[in-house]
């Protein structure tokens, strides 16, 4: 059994709720043997994955990260903010 947890700090509760509402439709009808749940409050969101296959958990985490990145870009653009990554 493979378990993975992804915890994100979100700008605020409004952004967290928007992110979860955008992701919810995509995360129905998961592959057999993969369990997925979300939680969190305020400005934190947590995604938990459980699968018999490590590759199923990892591929789901990667797909979720791509979706979150797209959400972030749209969220920032809709507020007139720059989406470019800045170097340290």
N, C-alpha and C. Protein backbone atom coordinates (compact mmCIF):
# COMPACT_ATOMS: atom_id res chain seq x y z
N UNK A 1 0.85 -1.18 0.00
CA UNK A 1 0.00 0.00 0.00
C UNK A 1 0.89 1.23 0.00
N UNK A 2 0.57 2.18 -0.86
CA UNK A 2 1.31 3.43 -0.95
C UNK A 2 0.40 4.57 -0.53
N UNK A 3 0.92 5.42 0.36
CA UNK A 3 0.17 6.60 0.79
C UNK A 3 1.01 7.84 0.49
N UNK A 4 0.35 8.87 0.02
CA UNK A 4 1.03 10.14 -0.23
C UNK A 4 0.12 11.26 0.25
N UNK A 5 0.74 12.30 0.81
CA UNK A 5 0.00 13.48 1.24
C UNK A 5 0.69 14.70 0.65
N UNK A 6 -0.11 15.57 0.06
CA UNK A 6 0.38 16.82 -0.52
C UNK A 6 -0.33 17.95 0.22
N UNK A 7 0.43 18.78 0.92
CA UNK A 7 -0.14 19.90 1.66
C UNK A 7 0.34 21.20 1.04
N UNK A 8 -0.61 22.10 0.75
CA UNK A 8 -0.29 23.38 0.12
C UNK A 8 -0.75 24.53 0.98
N UNK A 9 0.03 25.58 1.00
CA UNK A 9 -0.39 26.83 1.64
C UNK A 9 -0.95 27.70 0.51
N UNK A 10 -2.19 28.10 0.65
CA UNK A 10 -2.89 28.88 -0.36
C UNK A 10 -2.97 30.32 0.13
N UNK A 11 -3.12 31.27 -0.80
CA UNK A 11 -3.13 32.70 -0.46
C UNK A 11 -4.14 33.03 0.63
N UNK A 12 -5.35 32.50 0.53
CA UNK A 12 -6.38 32.78 1.52
C UNK A 12 -7.50 31.75 1.38
N UNK A 13 -8.48 31.85 2.25
CA UNK A 13 -9.57 30.87 2.26
C UNK A 13 -10.38 30.92 0.96
N UNK A 14 -10.57 32.10 0.40
CA UNK A 14 -11.30 32.24 -0.85
C UNK A 14 -10.60 31.49 -1.99
N UNK A 15 -9.29 31.65 -2.08
CA UNK A 15 -8.51 30.95 -3.11
C UNK A 15 -8.57 29.44 -2.89
N UNK A 16 -8.51 29.01 -1.62
CA UNK A 16 -8.59 27.58 -1.30
C UNK A 16 -9.91 26.99 -1.76
N UNK A 17 -11.01 27.69 -1.45
CA UNK A 17 -12.33 27.21 -1.86
C UNK A 17 -12.45 27.17 -3.38
N UNK A 18 -11.91 28.18 -4.06
CA UNK A 18 -11.95 28.20 -5.52
C UNK A 18 -11.15 27.05 -6.11
N UNK A 19 -9.96 26.81 -5.57
CA UNK A 19 -9.13 25.71 -6.06
C UNK A 19 -9.86 24.37 -5.90
N UNK A 20 -10.42 24.14 -4.73
CA UNK A 20 -11.11 22.87 -4.50
C UNK A 20 -12.34 22.72 -5.41
N UNK A 21 -13.04 23.81 -5.66
CA UNK A 21 -14.22 23.71 -6.53
C UNK A 21 -13.82 23.45 -7.97
N UNK A 22 -12.69 24.00 -8.40
CA UNK A 22 -12.22 23.78 -9.76
C UNK A 22 -11.72 22.35 -9.93
N UNK A 23 -11.05 21.81 -8.93
CA UNK A 23 -10.48 20.46 -9.03
C UNK A 23 -11.52 19.37 -8.84
N UNK A 24 -12.57 19.63 -8.11
CA UNK A 24 -13.55 18.60 -7.76
C UNK A 24 -14.12 17.84 -8.96
N UNK A 25 -14.54 18.51 -10.02
CA UNK A 25 -15.12 17.74 -11.14
C UNK A 25 -14.13 16.77 -11.80
N UNK A 26 -12.85 17.12 -11.81
CA UNK A 26 -11.84 16.26 -12.43
C UNK A 26 -11.51 15.03 -11.61
N UNK A 27 -11.81 15.07 -10.34
CA UNK A 27 -11.38 13.99 -9.45
C UNK A 27 -12.51 13.04 -9.09
N UNK A 28 -13.39 12.82 -10.02
CA UNK A 28 -14.45 11.82 -9.85
C UNK A 28 -14.13 10.66 -10.77
N UNK A 29 -14.58 9.48 -10.41
CA UNK A 29 -14.30 8.31 -11.25
C UNK A 29 -12.83 7.94 -11.28
N UNK A 30 -12.23 7.85 -10.11
CA UNK A 30 -10.81 7.50 -10.02
C UNK A 30 -10.57 6.06 -10.47
N UNK A 31 -9.34 5.77 -10.89
CA UNK A 31 -9.01 4.39 -11.25
C UNK A 31 -9.24 3.44 -10.08
N UNK A 32 -9.56 2.21 -10.40
CA UNK A 32 -9.79 1.18 -9.38
C UNK A 32 -8.54 1.05 -8.49
N UNK A 33 -8.78 1.00 -7.18
CA UNK A 33 -7.68 0.82 -6.25
C UNK A 33 -7.02 2.11 -5.78
N UNK A 34 -7.49 3.26 -6.29
CA UNK A 34 -6.91 4.54 -5.88
C UNK A 34 -7.93 5.29 -5.04
N UNK A 35 -7.55 5.67 -3.83
CA UNK A 35 -8.39 6.48 -2.96
C UNK A 35 -7.81 7.88 -2.89
N UNK A 36 -8.68 8.88 -2.93
CA UNK A 36 -8.26 10.27 -2.97
C UNK A 36 -9.18 11.08 -2.07
N UNK A 37 -8.62 11.92 -1.21
CA UNK A 37 -9.45 12.78 -0.37
C UNK A 37 -8.78 14.14 -0.23
N UNK A 38 -9.60 15.13 0.09
CA UNK A 38 -9.09 16.48 0.30
C UNK A 38 -9.56 16.97 1.66
N UNK A 39 -8.82 17.91 2.19
CA UNK A 39 -9.17 18.52 3.46
C UNK A 39 -8.44 19.84 3.60
N UNK A 40 -8.50 20.37 4.78
CA UNK A 40 -7.81 21.62 5.06
C UNK A 40 -8.78 22.70 5.46
N UNK A 41 -8.21 23.81 5.87
CA UNK A 41 -9.02 24.96 6.25
C UNK A 41 -8.16 26.21 6.18
N UNK A 42 -8.81 27.34 6.29
CA UNK A 42 -8.16 28.65 6.21
C UNK A 42 -7.35 28.73 4.92
N UNK A 43 -6.04 28.81 5.03
CA UNK A 43 -5.22 28.95 3.82
C UNK A 43 -4.41 27.69 3.52
N UNK A 44 -4.82 26.56 4.06
CA UNK A 44 -4.11 25.31 3.79
C UNK A 44 -5.07 24.30 3.17
N UNK A 45 -4.54 23.52 2.25
CA UNK A 45 -5.32 22.44 1.66
C UNK A 45 -4.44 21.20 1.65
N UNK A 46 -5.06 20.06 1.90
CA UNK A 46 -4.32 18.81 1.96
C UNK A 46 -4.99 17.79 1.06
N UNK A 47 -4.19 17.13 0.26
CA UNK A 47 -4.66 16.08 -0.63
C UNK A 47 -4.01 14.78 -0.16
N UNK A 48 -4.82 13.74 0.00
CA UNK A 48 -4.29 12.45 0.43
C UNK A 48 -4.62 11.40 -0.62
N UNK A 49 -3.64 10.56 -0.91
CA UNK A 49 -3.77 9.52 -1.91
C UNK A 49 -3.39 8.19 -1.28
N UNK A 50 -4.08 7.14 -1.68
CA UNK A 50 -3.74 5.81 -1.22
C UNK A 50 -3.99 4.84 -2.36
N UNK A 51 -3.00 3.99 -2.63
CA UNK A 51 -3.11 3.04 -3.73
C UNK A 51 -2.23 1.83 -3.46
N UNK A 52 -2.59 0.73 -4.06
CA UNK A 52 -1.75 -0.47 -3.98
C UNK A 52 -0.51 -0.31 -4.84
N UNK A 53 -0.57 0.60 -5.80
CA UNK A 53 0.53 0.80 -6.75
C UNK A 53 1.20 2.15 -6.51
N UNK A 54 2.51 2.17 -6.25
CA UNK A 54 3.21 3.44 -6.10
C UNK A 54 3.09 4.32 -7.34
N UNK A 55 3.11 3.72 -8.51
CA UNK A 55 3.04 4.52 -9.74
C UNK A 55 1.69 5.21 -9.89
N UNK A 56 0.60 4.59 -9.42
CA UNK A 56 -0.72 5.22 -9.49
C UNK A 56 -0.77 6.44 -8.58
N UNK A 57 -0.22 6.33 -7.38
CA UNK A 57 -0.19 7.49 -6.47
C UNK A 57 0.67 8.60 -7.04
N UNK A 58 1.84 8.26 -7.53
CA UNK A 58 2.75 9.27 -8.06
C UNK A 58 2.18 9.96 -9.29
N UNK A 59 1.60 9.21 -10.21
CA UNK A 59 1.04 9.83 -11.41
C UNK A 59 -0.14 10.73 -11.06
N UNK A 60 -0.90 10.37 -10.03
CA UNK A 60 -2.02 11.20 -9.59
C UNK A 60 -1.51 12.48 -8.96
N UNK A 61 -0.47 12.40 -8.14
CA UNK A 61 0.13 13.59 -7.54
C UNK A 61 0.65 14.52 -8.64
N UNK A 62 1.34 13.98 -9.63
CA UNK A 62 1.87 14.81 -10.71
C UNK A 62 0.76 15.47 -11.52
N UNK A 63 -0.30 14.74 -11.81
CA UNK A 63 -1.43 15.31 -12.54
C UNK A 63 -2.09 16.43 -11.72
N UNK A 64 -2.21 16.21 -10.42
CA UNK A 64 -2.80 17.22 -9.55
C UNK A 64 -1.92 18.48 -9.52
N UNK A 65 -0.60 18.31 -9.45
CA UNK A 65 0.30 19.46 -9.46
C UNK A 65 0.18 20.25 -10.75
N UNK A 66 0.01 19.57 -11.89
CA UNK A 66 -0.20 20.28 -13.15
C UNK A 66 -1.49 21.09 -13.10
N UNK A 67 -2.55 20.49 -12.58
CA UNK A 67 -3.83 21.20 -12.47
C UNK A 67 -3.72 22.40 -11.54
N UNK A 68 -3.01 22.25 -10.44
CA UNK A 68 -2.83 23.35 -9.48
C UNK A 68 -2.03 24.48 -10.12
N UNK A 69 -1.01 24.14 -10.89
CA UNK A 69 -0.21 25.16 -11.58
C UNK A 69 -1.07 25.94 -12.57
N UNK A 70 -1.90 25.25 -13.31
CA UNK A 70 -2.80 25.91 -14.25
C UNK A 70 -3.78 26.82 -13.50
N UNK A 71 -4.35 26.34 -12.40
CA UNK A 71 -5.24 27.16 -11.59
C UNK A 71 -4.52 28.42 -11.13
N UNK A 72 -3.29 28.27 -10.66
CA UNK A 72 -2.52 29.42 -10.16
C UNK A 72 -2.32 30.46 -11.27
N UNK A 73 -1.97 30.01 -12.46
CA UNK A 73 -1.75 30.94 -13.56
C UNK A 73 -3.04 31.70 -13.90
N UNK A 74 -4.15 30.99 -13.99
CA UNK A 74 -5.43 31.63 -14.31
C UNK A 74 -5.83 32.57 -13.18
N UNK A 75 -5.66 32.14 -11.94
CA UNK A 75 -6.01 32.96 -10.77
C UNK A 75 -5.23 34.27 -10.80
N UNK A 76 -3.91 34.18 -11.04
CA UNK A 76 -3.08 35.39 -11.06
C UNK A 76 -3.43 36.28 -12.25
N UNK A 77 -3.59 35.69 -13.41
CA UNK A 77 -3.93 36.48 -14.59
C UNK A 77 -5.27 37.19 -14.42
N UNK A 78 -6.23 36.53 -13.80
CA UNK A 78 -7.55 37.14 -13.61
C UNK A 78 -7.49 38.32 -12.65
N UNK A 79 -6.41 38.43 -11.90
CA UNK A 79 -6.23 39.55 -10.98
C UNK A 79 -5.19 40.54 -11.49
N UNK A 80 -4.77 40.37 -12.75
CA UNK A 80 -3.80 41.29 -13.35
C UNK A 80 -2.40 41.16 -12.79
N UNK A 81 -2.07 39.99 -12.30
CA UNK A 81 -0.75 39.78 -11.70
C UNK A 81 0.14 39.00 -12.65
N UNK A 82 1.44 39.17 -12.48
CA UNK A 82 2.43 38.49 -13.29
C UNK A 82 2.55 37.03 -12.86
N UNK A 83 2.58 36.11 -13.82
CA UNK A 83 2.68 34.68 -13.49
C UNK A 83 4.09 34.13 -13.66
N UNK A 84 5.04 34.96 -14.05
CA UNK A 84 6.41 34.45 -14.26
C UNK A 84 7.07 34.09 -12.94
N UNK A 85 7.82 33.01 -12.97
CA UNK A 85 8.56 32.58 -11.79
C UNK A 85 9.80 33.45 -11.67
N UNK A 86 10.04 33.95 -10.48
CA UNK A 86 11.19 34.82 -10.25
C UNK A 86 12.30 34.03 -9.56
N UNK A 87 13.50 34.28 -10.00
CA UNK A 87 14.67 33.62 -9.39
C UNK A 87 15.02 34.27 -8.08
N UNK A 88 15.72 33.50 -7.23
CA UNK A 88 16.12 34.00 -5.92
C UNK A 88 17.38 34.68 -6.02
